[in-house]
Amino acid sequence: MVNKALSTMLQTDLNISGSGRTDTGVHCKQQFFHVDFESVLTEEDLRYKANAILPFDISINSVRKVKNESHARFDAISRSYEYHINTVKDPFARDLSYYFSNKLNIENMNAAAALLLGEKRDYESFSRVKTEVNNFECSISKAYWESTGDKLVFHITSNRFLRGMVRAIVGTLLDVGLGRRSIEDLNTILLNKNRRDAGRAAPAHGLYLTQVIYPENIYL
């Protein structure tokens, strides 16, 4: 959609590069992309004209110039996701949150989530199989559940994420909350490096990409 809108607006074929890929059904509160083109339009004019073409569910909030060698995917230094769960039925959140009414032990889920933290650890157990990556190492700096009323939100931040990683982690932590797995099982799952040892992937519609951070030196 963004490619088509920009290509139409600038009357040239463009190919944007995003900060990362998300599964169908996943939401983005914040996403970045870069694209190379020449234009006499100001950053604000580009934003305004692009939003006039884009559908209502996509909004470009800002446009900034970056150095020629900058890359939306490879220059990102951290990414954050949230996974939203409703514990009571809410028709208005049907496509925006995972309805999960089973009783959960949040304290155990947080204790298990804490075992995921670390620098350059191997998370192959939570990656989709047959994915083309050089390694499965990630540095998770934040992983915890927050409970407010009838809603649960899982927060996780890392320098990078593997395909399907967050949804697999959420599914595994839900198993811990249900008592199907122990807290210590997380360490075993990580060491085994086998996706079959982890839990099922939680549904995509509860997942949100919420923040992508870049070093300031990429901007002009």
N, C-alpha and C. Protein backbone atom coordinates (compact mmCIF):
# COMPACT_ATOMS: atom_id res chain seq x y z
N MET A 1 0.82 -1.21 0.00
CA MET A 1 0.00 0.00 0.00
C MET A 1 0.86 1.27 0.00
N VAL A 2 1.87 1.30 0.88
CA VAL A 2 2.74 2.48 0.95
C VAL A 2 3.54 2.62 -0.33
N ASN A 3 4.06 1.50 -0.83
CA ASN A 3 4.79 1.52 -2.10
C ASN A 3 3.94 2.12 -3.21
N LYS A 4 2.72 1.63 -3.31
CA LYS A 4 1.82 2.09 -4.37
C LYS A 4 1.49 3.56 -4.21
N ALA A 5 1.25 3.99 -2.97
CA ALA A 5 0.89 5.40 -2.73
C ALA A 5 2.04 6.34 -3.10
N LEU A 6 3.25 5.99 -2.67
CA LEU A 6 4.40 6.84 -2.97
C LEU A 6 4.72 6.83 -4.46
N SER A 7 4.63 5.67 -5.09
CA SER A 7 4.90 5.58 -6.52
C SER A 7 3.90 6.40 -7.32
N THR A 8 2.64 6.35 -6.90
CA THR A 8 1.60 7.15 -7.56
C THR A 8 1.85 8.63 -7.37
N MET A 9 2.17 9.02 -6.15
CA MET A 9 2.37 10.43 -5.82
C MET A 9 3.58 11.01 -6.55
N LEU A 10 4.67 10.26 -6.62
CA LEU A 10 5.91 10.75 -7.21
C LEU A 10 6.08 10.35 -8.67
N GLN A 11 5.13 9.58 -9.17
CA GLN A 11 5.10 9.15 -10.58
C GLN A 11 6.39 8.44 -10.98
N THR A 12 6.82 7.52 -10.13
CA THR A 12 7.99 6.70 -10.41
C THR A 12 7.88 5.41 -9.61
N ASP A 13 8.50 4.35 -10.09
CA ASP A 13 8.46 3.09 -9.36
C ASP A 13 9.42 3.13 -8.19
N LEU A 14 8.90 2.88 -6.99
CA LEU A 14 9.71 2.90 -5.79
C LEU A 14 9.63 1.54 -5.08
N ASN A 15 10.62 1.28 -4.27
CA ASN A 15 10.64 0.03 -3.49
C ASN A 15 11.09 0.35 -2.08
N ILE A 16 10.15 0.37 -1.14
CA ILE A 16 10.48 0.72 0.23
C ILE A 16 11.08 -0.47 0.97
N SER A 17 11.90 -0.18 1.98
CA SER A 17 12.46 -1.21 2.86
C SER A 17 12.03 -0.89 4.28
N GLY A 18 11.31 -1.83 4.91
CA GLY A 18 10.79 -1.61 6.25
C GLY A 18 11.76 -2.06 7.33
N SER A 19 11.43 -1.71 8.57
CA SER A 19 12.29 -2.09 9.70
C SER A 19 12.21 -3.58 9.99
N GLY A 20 11.21 -4.25 9.44
CA GLY A 20 11.06 -5.68 9.64
C GLY A 20 9.74 -6.14 9.09
N ARG A 21 9.56 -7.48 9.06
CA ARG A 21 8.31 -8.05 8.57
C ARG A 21 7.43 -8.46 9.74
N THR A 22 6.12 -8.38 9.52
CA THR A 22 5.17 -8.87 10.51
C THR A 22 4.19 -9.81 9.83
N ASP A 23 3.67 -10.75 10.59
CA ASP A 23 2.69 -11.70 10.05
C ASP A 23 1.38 -10.99 9.75
N THR A 24 0.60 -11.58 8.84
CA THR A 24 -0.73 -11.08 8.55
C THR A 24 -1.57 -11.06 9.83
N GLY A 25 -2.19 -9.92 10.10
CA GLY A 25 -3.01 -9.79 11.30
C GLY A 25 -2.33 -9.06 12.44
N VAL A 26 -0.99 -8.93 12.36
CA VAL A 26 -0.25 -8.21 13.39
C VAL A 26 -0.42 -6.70 13.16
N HIS A 27 -0.50 -5.95 14.25
CA HIS A 27 -0.70 -4.50 14.17
C HIS A 27 0.62 -3.76 14.40
N CYS A 28 0.71 -2.55 13.88
CA CYS A 28 1.89 -1.70 14.09
C CYS A 28 1.44 -0.36 14.65
N LYS A 29 1.86 -0.07 15.86
CA LYS A 29 1.67 1.27 16.39
C LYS A 29 2.78 2.20 15.90
N GLN A 30 3.92 1.60 15.57
CA GLN A 30 5.04 2.37 15.03
C GLN A 30 5.81 1.46 14.08
N GLN A 31 6.05 1.96 12.87
CA GLN A 31 6.83 1.24 11.88
C GLN A 31 7.65 2.25 11.10
N PHE A 32 8.81 1.84 10.63
CA PHE A 32 9.67 2.72 9.85
C PHE A 32 10.00 2.06 8.52
N PHE A 33 10.22 2.88 7.51
CA PHE A 33 10.73 2.38 6.24
C PHE A 33 11.60 3.46 5.62
N HIS A 34 12.49 3.04 4.74
CA HIS A 34 13.27 4.02 3.99
C HIS A 34 13.06 3.78 2.50
N VAL A 35 13.24 4.83 1.74
CA VAL A 35 13.11 4.75 0.30
C VAL A 35 13.96 5.85 -0.33
N ASP A 36 14.57 5.57 -1.46
CA ASP A 36 15.43 6.54 -2.15
C ASP A 36 14.68 7.15 -3.33
N PHE A 37 14.64 8.47 -3.36
CA PHE A 37 13.99 9.17 -4.48
C PHE A 37 14.43 10.64 -4.46
N GLU A 38 14.17 11.32 -5.54
CA GLU A 38 14.43 12.75 -5.64
C GLU A 38 13.10 13.49 -5.74
N SER A 39 12.97 14.56 -4.96
CA SER A 39 11.73 15.31 -4.98
C SER A 39 11.98 16.73 -4.48
N VAL A 40 11.18 17.66 -4.99
CA VAL A 40 11.28 19.05 -4.52
C VAL A 40 10.31 19.29 -3.36
N LEU A 41 9.51 18.29 -3.03
CA LEU A 41 8.55 18.43 -1.94
C LEU A 41 9.25 18.46 -0.59
N THR A 42 8.69 19.22 0.33
CA THR A 42 9.21 19.22 1.70
C THR A 42 8.77 17.94 2.41
N GLU A 43 9.39 17.67 3.56
CA GLU A 43 9.01 16.50 4.34
C GLU A 43 7.54 16.55 4.73
N GLU A 44 7.05 17.72 5.12
CA GLU A 44 5.66 17.85 5.52
C GLU A 44 4.71 17.66 4.34
N ASP A 45 5.09 18.16 3.16
CA ASP A 45 4.26 17.97 1.97
C ASP A 45 4.20 16.49 1.57
N LEU A 46 5.33 15.81 1.70
CA LEU A 46 5.35 14.38 1.40
C LEU A 46 4.40 13.62 2.33
N ARG A 47 4.47 13.95 3.60
CA ARG A 47 3.60 13.28 4.58
C ARG A 47 2.13 13.54 4.28
N TYR A 48 1.80 14.79 4.02
CA TYR A 48 0.40 15.17 3.79
C TYR A 48 -0.15 14.51 2.52
N LYS A 49 0.61 14.55 1.44
CA LYS A 49 0.14 14.01 0.15
C LYS A 49 0.04 12.48 0.21
N ALA A 50 0.98 11.84 0.87
CA ALA A 50 0.94 10.38 0.97
C ALA A 50 -0.28 9.94 1.78
N ASN A 51 -0.57 10.63 2.88
CA ASN A 51 -1.72 10.27 3.71
C ASN A 51 -3.04 10.49 2.98
N ALA A 52 -3.06 11.43 2.04
CA ALA A 52 -4.28 11.67 1.27
C ALA A 52 -4.59 10.49 0.33
N ILE A 53 -3.55 9.73 -0.02
CA ILE A 53 -3.73 8.58 -0.91
C ILE A 53 -3.92 7.28 -0.15
N LEU A 54 -3.24 7.14 0.97
CA LEU A 54 -3.27 5.90 1.73
C LEU A 54 -4.64 5.63 2.34
N PRO A 55 -5.02 4.35 2.53
CA PRO A 55 -6.28 4.03 3.21
C PRO A 55 -6.24 4.50 4.66
N PHE A 56 -7.40 4.55 5.28
CA PHE A 56 -7.51 5.15 6.61
C PHE A 56 -6.74 4.38 7.67
N ASP A 57 -6.51 3.07 7.46
CA ASP A 57 -5.84 2.29 8.50
C ASP A 57 -4.32 2.35 8.41
N ILE A 58 -3.79 3.19 7.52
CA ILE A 58 -2.34 3.42 7.45
C ILE A 58 -2.10 4.92 7.50
N SER A 59 -1.22 5.35 8.42
CA SER A 59 -0.93 6.78 8.55
C SER A 59 0.58 7.00 8.64
N ILE A 60 1.09 7.90 7.80
CA ILE A 60 2.48 8.31 7.89
C ILE A 60 2.54 9.51 8.84
N ASN A 61 3.23 9.35 9.95
CA ASN A 61 3.24 10.38 10.98
C ASN A 61 4.38 11.38 10.82
N SER A 62 5.49 10.97 10.21
CA SER A 62 6.60 11.90 10.02
C SER A 62 7.50 11.40 8.90
N VAL A 63 8.22 12.32 8.30
CA VAL A 63 9.20 12.03 7.25
C VAL A 63 10.49 12.74 7.61
N ARG A 64 11.60 12.00 7.59
CA ARG A 64 12.90 12.59 7.92
C ARG A 64 13.94 12.13 6.91
N LYS A 65 14.85 13.04 6.60
CA LYS A 65 15.96 12.70 5.72
C LYS A 65 17.03 11.94 6.51
N VAL A 66 17.63 10.94 5.85
CA VAL A 66 18.69 10.17 6.49
C VAL A 66 19.89 10.11 5.56
N LYS A 67 21.01 9.67 6.10
CA LYS A 67 22.21 9.52 5.30
C LYS A 67 22.01 8.44 4.24
N ASN A 68 22.76 8.56 3.14
CA ASN A 68 22.58 7.65 2.01
C ASN A 68 22.75 6.19 2.39
N GLU A 69 23.64 5.90 3.31
CA GLU A 69 23.93 4.51 3.66
C GLU A 69 22.98 3.96 4.73
N SER A 70 22.05 4.74 5.22
CA SER A 70 21.14 4.30 6.28
C SER A 70 20.14 3.27 5.77
N HIS A 71 19.77 2.34 6.65
CA HIS A 71 18.85 1.27 6.27
C HIS A 71 17.84 1.04 7.40
N ALA A 72 16.57 1.04 7.06
CA ALA A 72 15.52 0.93 8.07
C ALA A 72 15.60 -0.36 8.86
N ARG A 73 16.02 -1.45 8.22
CA ARG A 73 16.09 -2.73 8.92
C ARG A 73 17.39 -2.90 9.68
N PHE A 74 18.50 -2.67 9.02
CA PHE A 74 19.80 -3.02 9.60
C PHE A 74 20.33 -2.00 10.60
N ASP A 75 19.83 -0.76 10.56
CA ASP A 75 20.30 0.26 11.49
C ASP A 75 19.51 0.33 12.78
N ALA A 76 18.38 -0.36 12.85
CA ALA A 76 17.58 -0.35 14.08
C ALA A 76 18.37 -1.01 15.22
N ILE A 77 18.37 -0.38 16.38
CA ILE A 77 19.13 -0.93 17.51
C ILE A 77 18.22 -1.62 18.53
N SER A 78 16.91 -1.38 18.46
CA SER A 78 15.99 -2.14 19.31
C SER A 78 14.58 -2.06 18.74
N ARG A 79 13.82 -3.10 19.07
CA ARG A 79 12.42 -3.17 18.67
C ARG A 79 11.60 -3.63 19.87
N SER A 80 10.39 -3.11 19.99
CA SER A 80 9.53 -3.50 21.10
C SER A 80 8.17 -3.95 20.58
N TYR A 81 7.66 -4.99 21.21
CA TYR A 81 6.33 -5.52 20.89
C TYR A 81 5.48 -5.58 22.15
N GLU A 82 4.18 -5.56 21.94
CA GLU A 82 3.21 -5.85 22.99
C GLU A 82 2.28 -6.95 22.48
N TYR A 83 1.88 -7.82 23.42
CA TYR A 83 0.84 -8.79 23.06
C TYR A 83 -0.33 -8.57 24.00
N HIS A 84 -1.52 -8.33 23.41
CA HIS A 84 -2.71 -7.95 24.17
C HIS A 84 -3.67 -9.13 24.32
N ILE A 85 -4.11 -9.36 25.55
CA ILE A 85 -5.07 -10.42 25.86
C ILE A 85 -6.23 -9.83 26.65
N ASN A 86 -7.45 -10.17 26.24
CA ASN A 86 -8.63 -9.84 27.01
C ASN A 86 -9.12 -11.09 27.72
N THR A 87 -9.36 -10.98 29.02
CA THR A 87 -9.81 -12.15 29.79
C THR A 87 -11.33 -12.24 29.86
N VAL A 88 -12.03 -11.21 29.38
CA VAL A 88 -13.49 -11.26 29.25
C VAL A 88 -13.85 -10.94 27.81
N LYS A 89 -14.98 -11.43 27.38
CA LYS A 89 -15.40 -11.25 25.99
C LYS A 89 -15.69 -9.78 25.71
N ASP A 90 -15.06 -9.26 24.66
CA ASP A 90 -15.25 -7.86 24.26
C ASP A 90 -15.38 -7.82 22.74
N PRO A 91 -16.59 -7.68 22.21
CA PRO A 91 -16.79 -7.68 20.77
C PRO A 91 -16.00 -6.59 20.05
N PHE A 92 -15.75 -5.46 20.73
CA PHE A 92 -15.04 -4.35 20.10
C PHE A 92 -13.55 -4.62 19.97
N ALA A 93 -13.04 -5.61 20.70
CA ALA A 93 -11.61 -5.95 20.65
C ALA A 93 -11.35 -7.26 19.90
N ARG A 94 -12.34 -7.73 19.17
CA ARG A 94 -12.25 -9.05 18.55
C ARG A 94 -11.01 -9.21 17.67
N ASP A 95 -10.71 -8.21 16.87
CA ASP A 95 -9.56 -8.28 15.98
C ASP A 95 -8.34 -7.55 16.52
N LEU A 96 -8.44 -7.05 17.74
CA LEU A 96 -7.38 -6.23 18.32
C LEU A 96 -6.75 -6.84 19.56
N SER A 97 -7.29 -7.96 20.02
CA SER A 97 -6.81 -8.58 21.24
C SER A 97 -7.23 -10.05 21.22
N TYR A 98 -6.42 -10.89 21.89
CA TYR A 98 -6.70 -12.32 21.97
C TYR A 98 -7.60 -12.58 23.18
N TYR A 99 -8.78 -13.14 22.93
CA TYR A 99 -9.70 -13.46 24.02
C TYR A 99 -9.29 -14.79 24.63
N PHE A 100 -8.86 -14.75 25.89
CA PHE A 100 -8.35 -15.94 26.59
C PHE A 100 -8.89 -15.89 28.00
N SER A 101 -9.91 -16.69 28.29
CA SER A 101 -10.64 -16.58 29.56
C SER A 101 -10.13 -17.54 30.63
N ASN A 102 -9.23 -18.46 30.30
CA ASN A 102 -8.73 -19.41 31.29
C ASN A 102 -7.94 -18.69 32.39
N LYS A 103 -8.03 -19.21 33.60
CA LYS A 103 -7.32 -18.62 34.73
C LYS A 103 -5.81 -18.78 34.55
N LEU A 104 -5.07 -17.70 34.73
CA LEU A 104 -3.62 -17.71 34.52
C LEU A 104 -2.88 -17.28 35.79
N ASN A 105 -1.73 -17.88 36.01
CA ASN A 105 -0.86 -17.48 37.12
C ASN A 105 0.16 -16.48 36.57
N ILE A 106 -0.13 -15.19 36.72
CA ILE A 106 0.70 -14.14 36.14
C ILE A 106 2.08 -14.11 36.80
N GLU A 107 2.13 -14.41 38.09
CA GLU A 107 3.42 -14.40 38.80
C GLU A 107 4.37 -15.43 38.19
N ASN A 108 3.88 -16.62 37.90
CA ASN A 108 4.71 -17.64 37.27
C ASN A 108 5.09 -17.26 35.85
N MET A 109 4.19 -16.63 35.14
CA MET A 109 4.47 -16.20 33.77
C MET A 109 5.59 -15.15 33.75
N ASN A 110 5.57 -14.26 34.73
CA ASN A 110 6.63 -13.25 34.80
C ASN A 110 7.96 -13.85 35.23
N ALA A 111 7.91 -14.84 36.12
CA ALA A 111 9.14 -15.50 36.53
C ALA A 111 9.77 -16.25 35.35
N ALA A 112 8.93 -16.87 34.52
CA ALA A 112 9.42 -17.56 33.34
C ALA A 112 9.93 -16.57 32.30
N ALA A 113 9.23 -15.45 32.14
CA ALA A 113 9.65 -14.43 31.17
C ALA A 113 11.02 -13.87 31.52
N ALA A 114 11.31 -13.77 32.81
CA ALA A 114 12.60 -13.23 33.25
C ALA A 114 13.75 -14.12 32.81
N LEU A 115 13.49 -15.41 32.61
CA LEU A 115 14.54 -16.33 32.16
C LEU A 115 14.92 -16.12 30.70
N LEU A 116 14.12 -15.34 29.99
CA LEU A 116 14.41 -15.06 28.58
C LEU A 116 15.42 -13.94 28.41
N LEU A 117 15.63 -13.14 29.44
CA LEU A 117 16.50 -11.98 29.34
C LEU A 117 17.96 -12.40 29.15
N GLY A 118 18.69 -11.59 28.37
CA GLY A 118 20.12 -11.87 28.22
C GLY A 118 20.68 -11.33 26.92
N GLU A 119 22.00 -11.21 26.90
CA GLU A 119 22.71 -10.70 25.72
C GLU A 119 23.11 -11.85 24.81
N LYS A 120 22.81 -11.72 23.54
CA LYS A 120 23.24 -12.65 22.50
C LYS A 120 22.97 -14.11 22.87
N ARG A 121 21.74 -14.40 23.24
CA ARG A 121 21.33 -15.76 23.54
C ARG A 121 20.66 -16.38 22.32
N ASP A 122 20.69 -17.70 22.24
CA ASP A 122 20.13 -18.41 21.10
C ASP A 122 18.64 -18.70 21.35
N TYR A 123 17.78 -18.18 20.45
CA TYR A 123 16.34 -18.35 20.59
C TYR A 123 15.75 -19.17 19.45
N GLU A 124 16.53 -20.13 18.96
CA GLU A 124 16.06 -20.96 17.85
C GLU A 124 14.77 -21.71 18.21
N SER A 125 14.61 -22.05 19.47
CA SER A 125 13.41 -22.77 19.91
C SER A 125 12.13 -21.98 19.68
N PHE A 126 12.26 -20.66 19.56
CA PHE A 126 11.08 -19.81 19.37
C PHE A 126 10.99 -19.25 17.95
N SER A 127 11.80 -19.76 17.05
CA SER A 127 11.81 -19.29 15.67
C SER A 127 11.07 -20.27 14.78
N ARG A 128 10.43 -19.74 13.76
CA ARG A 128 9.85 -20.62 12.75
C ARG A 128 10.95 -21.44 12.10
N VAL A 129 10.61 -22.67 11.74
CA VAL A 129 11.59 -23.52 11.05
C VAL A 129 11.72 -23.05 9.61
N LYS A 130 12.83 -23.41 8.99
CA LYS A 130 13.11 -23.07 7.59
C LYS A 130 13.09 -21.57 7.36
N THR A 131 13.65 -20.82 8.30
CA THR A 131 13.78 -19.38 8.12
C THR A 131 15.23 -19.06 7.77
N GLU A 132 15.43 -18.13 6.86
CA GLU A 132 16.76 -17.82 6.35
C GLU A 132 17.41 -16.72 7.19
N VAL A 133 18.16 -17.14 8.19
CA VAL A 133 18.93 -16.21 9.02
C VAL A 133 20.32 -16.76 9.22
N ASN A 134 21.26 -15.87 9.48
CA ASN A 134 22.65 -16.30 9.72
C ASN A 134 22.83 -16.91 11.10
N ASN A 135 22.04 -16.45 12.06
CA ASN A 135 22.11 -16.97 13.42
C ASN A 135 20.80 -16.69 14.13
N PHE A 136 20.63 -17.31 15.29
CA PHE A 136 19.41 -17.16 16.08
C PHE A 136 19.65 -16.35 17.35
N GLU A 137 20.72 -15.59 17.38
CA GLU A 137 21.06 -14.83 18.58
C GLU A 137 20.29 -13.51 18.65
N CYS A 138 19.73 -13.25 19.82
CA CYS A 138 19.04 -12.00 20.09
C CYS A 138 19.43 -11.54 21.50
N SER A 139 19.27 -10.26 21.75
CA SER A 139 19.53 -9.71 23.08
C SER A 139 18.24 -9.12 23.62
N ILE A 140 17.54 -9.89 24.44
CA ILE A 140 16.27 -9.44 25.01
C ILE A 140 16.55 -8.64 26.28
N SER A 141 16.12 -7.41 26.32
CA SER A 141 16.37 -6.53 27.47
C SER A 141 15.13 -6.33 28.34
N LYS A 142 13.97 -6.69 27.81
CA LYS A 142 12.73 -6.50 28.58
C LYS A 142 11.76 -7.62 28.20
N ALA A 143 11.13 -8.23 29.20
CA ALA A 143 10.10 -9.25 28.97
C ALA A 143 9.28 -9.40 30.23
N TYR A 144 8.06 -8.89 30.22
CA TYR A 144 7.21 -8.98 31.41
C TYR A 144 5.74 -8.81 31.04
N TRP A 145 4.87 -9.34 31.92
CA TRP A 145 3.43 -9.22 31.77
C TRP A 145 2.91 -8.12 32.69
N GLU A 146 1.94 -7.38 32.19
CA GLU A 146 1.27 -6.33 32.97
C GLU A 146 -0.22 -6.64 32.98
N SER A 147 -0.81 -6.63 34.15
CA SER A 147 -2.23 -6.94 34.30
C SER A 147 -2.99 -5.72 34.78
N THR A 148 -4.02 -5.33 34.01
CA THR A 148 -4.85 -4.19 34.38
C THR A 148 -6.31 -4.57 34.15
N GLY A 149 -7.04 -4.78 35.22
CA GLY A 149 -8.43 -5.14 35.09
C GLY A 149 -8.61 -6.46 34.33
N ASP A 150 -9.34 -6.39 33.24
CA ASP A 150 -9.62 -7.58 32.43
C ASP A 150 -8.63 -7.73 31.27
N LYS A 151 -7.54 -7.00 31.32
CA LYS A 151 -6.60 -7.03 30.21
C LYS A 151 -5.20 -7.40 30.67
N LEU A 152 -4.53 -8.24 29.87
CA LEU A 152 -3.12 -8.59 30.08
C LEU A 152 -2.32 -8.10 28.89
N VAL A 153 -1.16 -7.52 29.16
CA VAL A 153 -0.28 -7.08 28.09
C VAL A 153 1.13 -7.61 28.35
N PHE A 154 1.68 -8.29 27.37
CA PHE A 154 3.06 -8.76 27.46
C PHE A 154 3.95 -7.77 26.73
N HIS A 155 5.01 -7.30 27.41
CA HIS A 155 5.96 -6.34 26.84
C HIS A 155 7.29 -7.06 26.60
N ILE A 156 7.86 -6.86 25.42
CA ILE A 156 9.15 -7.47 25.14
C ILE A 156 9.96 -6.55 24.22
N THR A 157 11.25 -6.39 24.54
CA THR A 157 12.16 -5.55 23.77
C THR A 157 13.43 -6.33 23.49
N SER A 158 13.91 -6.23 22.26
CA SER A 158 15.14 -6.92 21.86
C SER A 158 15.81 -6.14 20.74
N ASN A 159 17.08 -6.43 20.51
CA ASN A 159 17.77 -5.79 19.39
C ASN A 159 17.24 -6.29 18.06
N ARG A 160 16.73 -7.55 18.04
CA ARG A 160 16.14 -8.12 16.84
C ARG A 160 15.20 -9.24 17.26
N PHE A 161 14.33 -9.64 16.33
CA PHE A 161 13.42 -10.75 16.59
C PHE A 161 13.44 -11.70 15.41
N LEU A 162 13.29 -12.98 15.70
CA LEU A 162 13.20 -14.01 14.67
C LEU A 162 11.75 -14.13 14.21
N ARG A 163 11.56 -14.79 13.08
CA ARG A 163 10.20 -14.95 12.55
C ARG A 163 9.35 -15.78 13.51
N GLY A 164 8.20 -15.23 13.88
CA GLY A 164 7.28 -15.92 14.77
C GLY A 164 7.73 -15.98 16.22
N MET A 165 8.79 -15.29 16.56
CA MET A 165 9.41 -15.42 17.88
C MET A 165 8.49 -14.97 19.02
N VAL A 166 7.91 -13.79 18.90
CA VAL A 166 7.11 -13.26 20.00
C VAL A 166 5.86 -14.11 20.21
N ARG A 167 5.21 -14.50 19.14
CA ARG A 167 3.99 -15.31 19.27
C ARG A 167 4.30 -16.67 19.89
N ALA A 168 5.46 -17.26 19.57
CA ALA A 168 5.86 -18.54 20.17
C ALA A 168 6.17 -18.37 21.65
N ILE A 169 6.82 -17.26 22.00
CA ILE A 169 7.11 -16.98 23.41
C ILE A 169 5.82 -16.81 24.19
N VAL A 170 4.88 -16.03 23.64
CA VAL A 170 3.61 -15.81 24.34
C VAL A 170 2.88 -17.13 24.54
N GLY A 171 2.82 -17.96 23.50
CA GLY A 171 2.15 -19.26 23.64
C GLY A 171 2.79 -20.13 24.71
N THR A 172 4.10 -20.09 24.80
CA THR A 172 4.82 -20.88 25.81
C THR A 172 4.55 -20.34 27.21
N LEU A 173 4.55 -19.02 27.36
CA LEU A 173 4.29 -18.42 28.67
C LEU A 173 2.85 -18.65 29.12
N LEU A 174 1.92 -18.72 28.18
CA LEU A 174 0.55 -19.05 28.54
C LEU A 174 0.47 -20.48 29.09
N ASP A 175 1.26 -21.38 28.51
CA ASP A 175 1.32 -22.74 29.06
C ASP A 175 1.82 -22.74 30.50
N VAL A 176 2.79 -21.87 30.79
CA VAL A 176 3.28 -21.74 32.16
C VAL A 176 2.17 -21.21 33.07
N GLY A 177 1.46 -20.21 32.58
CA GLY A 177 0.37 -19.63 33.36
C GLY A 177 -0.75 -20.61 33.64
N LEU A 178 -0.93 -21.58 32.73
CA LEU A 178 -1.97 -22.59 32.90
C LEU A 178 -1.49 -23.77 33.75
N GLY A 179 -0.18 -23.81 34.04
CA GLY A 179 0.37 -24.91 34.81
C GLY A 179 0.76 -26.11 33.97
N ARG A 180 0.73 -25.97 32.65
CA ARG A 180 1.10 -27.07 31.76
C ARG A 180 2.62 -27.21 31.65
N ARG A 181 3.33 -26.14 31.95
CA ARG A 181 4.79 -26.14 31.96
C ARG A 181 5.27 -25.48 33.24
N SER A 182 6.45 -25.85 33.68
CA SER A 182 7.03 -25.22 34.87
C SER A 182 7.85 -24.00 34.44
N ILE A 183 8.17 -23.17 35.40
CA ILE A 183 9.02 -22.00 35.11
C ILE A 183 10.36 -22.46 34.57
N GLU A 184 10.92 -23.50 35.19
CA GLU A 184 12.25 -23.99 34.79
C GLU A 184 12.26 -24.59 33.39
N ASP A 185 11.09 -24.96 32.86
CA ASP A 185 11.03 -25.53 31.51
C ASP A 185 11.56 -24.55 30.47
N LEU A 186 11.50 -23.25 30.76
CA LEU A 186 11.99 -22.25 29.81
C LEU A 186 13.46 -22.44 29.52
N ASN A 187 14.25 -22.72 30.55
CA ASN A 187 15.68 -22.95 30.33
C ASN A 187 15.93 -24.18 29.46
N THR A 188 15.17 -25.24 29.70
CA THR A 188 15.31 -26.46 28.91
C THR A 188 14.95 -26.21 27.45
N ILE A 189 13.87 -25.47 27.23
CA ILE A 189 13.43 -25.14 25.87
C ILE A 189 14.52 -24.36 25.13
N LEU A 190 15.11 -23.38 25.80
CA LEU A 190 16.16 -22.58 25.19
C LEU A 190 17.38 -23.44 24.83
N LEU A 191 17.77 -24.32 25.73
CA LEU A 191 18.95 -25.15 25.51
C LEU A 191 18.75 -26.17 24.40
N ASN A 192 17.53 -26.68 24.23
CA ASN A 192 17.27 -27.70 23.23
C ASN A 192 17.26 -27.18 21.80
N LYS A 193 17.00 -25.89 21.63
CA LYS A 193 17.01 -25.25 20.30
C LYS A 193 16.10 -25.98 19.30
N ASN A 194 14.93 -26.36 19.78
CA ASN A 194 13.99 -27.11 18.95
C ASN A 194 12.61 -26.47 19.07
N ARG A 195 12.08 -25.97 17.96
CA ARG A 195 10.78 -25.28 17.98
C ARG A 195 9.68 -26.16 18.53
N ARG A 196 9.75 -27.47 18.36
CA ARG A 196 8.71 -28.37 18.83
C ARG A 196 8.62 -28.42 20.36
N ASP A 197 9.68 -28.00 21.03
CA ASP A 197 9.68 -28.01 22.50
C ASP A 197 8.92 -26.83 23.09
N ALA A 198 8.80 -25.76 22.32
CA ALA A 198 8.11 -24.56 22.80
C ALA A 198 6.60 -24.71 22.57
N GLY A 199 5.84 -23.75 23.07
CA GLY A 199 4.39 -23.79 22.93
C GLY A 199 3.93 -23.35 21.55
N ARG A 200 2.63 -23.49 21.34
CA ARG A 200 2.06 -23.06 20.06
C ARG A 200 2.15 -21.54 19.93
N ALA A 201 2.10 -21.07 18.71
CA ALA A 201 2.13 -19.63 18.46
C ALA A 201 0.78 -19.01 18.84
N ALA A 202 0.82 -17.95 19.62
CA ALA A 202 -0.41 -17.23 19.94
C ALA A 202 -0.94 -16.56 18.68
N PRO A 203 -2.24 -16.33 18.58
CA PRO A 203 -2.83 -15.72 17.37
C PRO A 203 -2.22 -14.36 17.05
N ALA A 204 -2.12 -14.07 15.76
CA ALA A 204 -1.45 -12.85 15.30
C ALA A 204 -2.15 -11.58 15.73
N HIS A 205 -3.48 -11.60 15.84
CA HIS A 205 -4.22 -10.35 16.03
C HIS A 205 -4.02 -9.72 17.41
N GLY A 206 -3.36 -10.42 18.33
CA GLY A 206 -3.07 -9.81 19.62
C GLY A 206 -1.74 -9.10 19.69
N LEU A 207 -0.96 -9.19 18.60
CA LEU A 207 0.42 -8.69 18.62
C LEU A 207 0.53 -7.30 18.00
N TYR A 208 1.35 -6.45 18.64
CA TYR A 208 1.57 -5.08 18.17
C TYR A 208 3.07 -4.78 18.16
N LEU A 209 3.57 -4.28 17.04
CA LEU A 209 4.89 -3.66 17.02
C LEU A 209 4.71 -2.24 17.53
N THR A 210 5.39 -1.90 18.63
CA THR A 210 5.10 -0.63 19.29
C THR A 210 6.21 0.41 19.18
N GLN A 211 7.46 -0.03 19.00
CA GLN A 211 8.55 0.94 18.96
C GLN A 211 9.76 0.35 18.24
N VAL A 212 10.38 1.19 17.41
CA VAL A 212 11.66 0.85 16.77
C VAL A 212 12.59 2.03 17.02
N ILE A 213 13.78 1.75 17.51
CA ILE A 213 14.71 2.82 17.88
C ILE A 213 15.95 2.77 16.99
N TYR A 214 16.39 3.97 16.57
CA TYR A 214 17.58 4.12 15.73
C TYR A 214 18.57 5.06 16.39
N PRO A 215 19.84 4.92 16.08
CA PRO A 215 20.82 5.90 16.56
C PRO A 215 20.60 7.24 15.87
N GLU A 216 20.81 8.31 16.58
CA GLU A 216 20.55 9.64 16.02
C GLU A 216 21.49 9.98 14.86
N ASN A 217 22.64 9.33 14.79
CA ASN A 217 23.61 9.70 13.76
C ASN A 217 23.22 9.27 12.35
N ILE A 218 22.08 8.56 12.18
CA ILE A 218 21.66 8.19 10.82
C ILE A 218 20.90 9.34 10.15
N TYR A 219 20.47 10.32 10.96
CA TYR A 219 19.63 11.40 10.42
C TYR A 219 20.47 12.58 9.94
N LEU A 220 19.96 13.27 8.94
CA LEU A 220 20.59 14.48 8.44
C LEU A 220 20.05 15.70 9.16
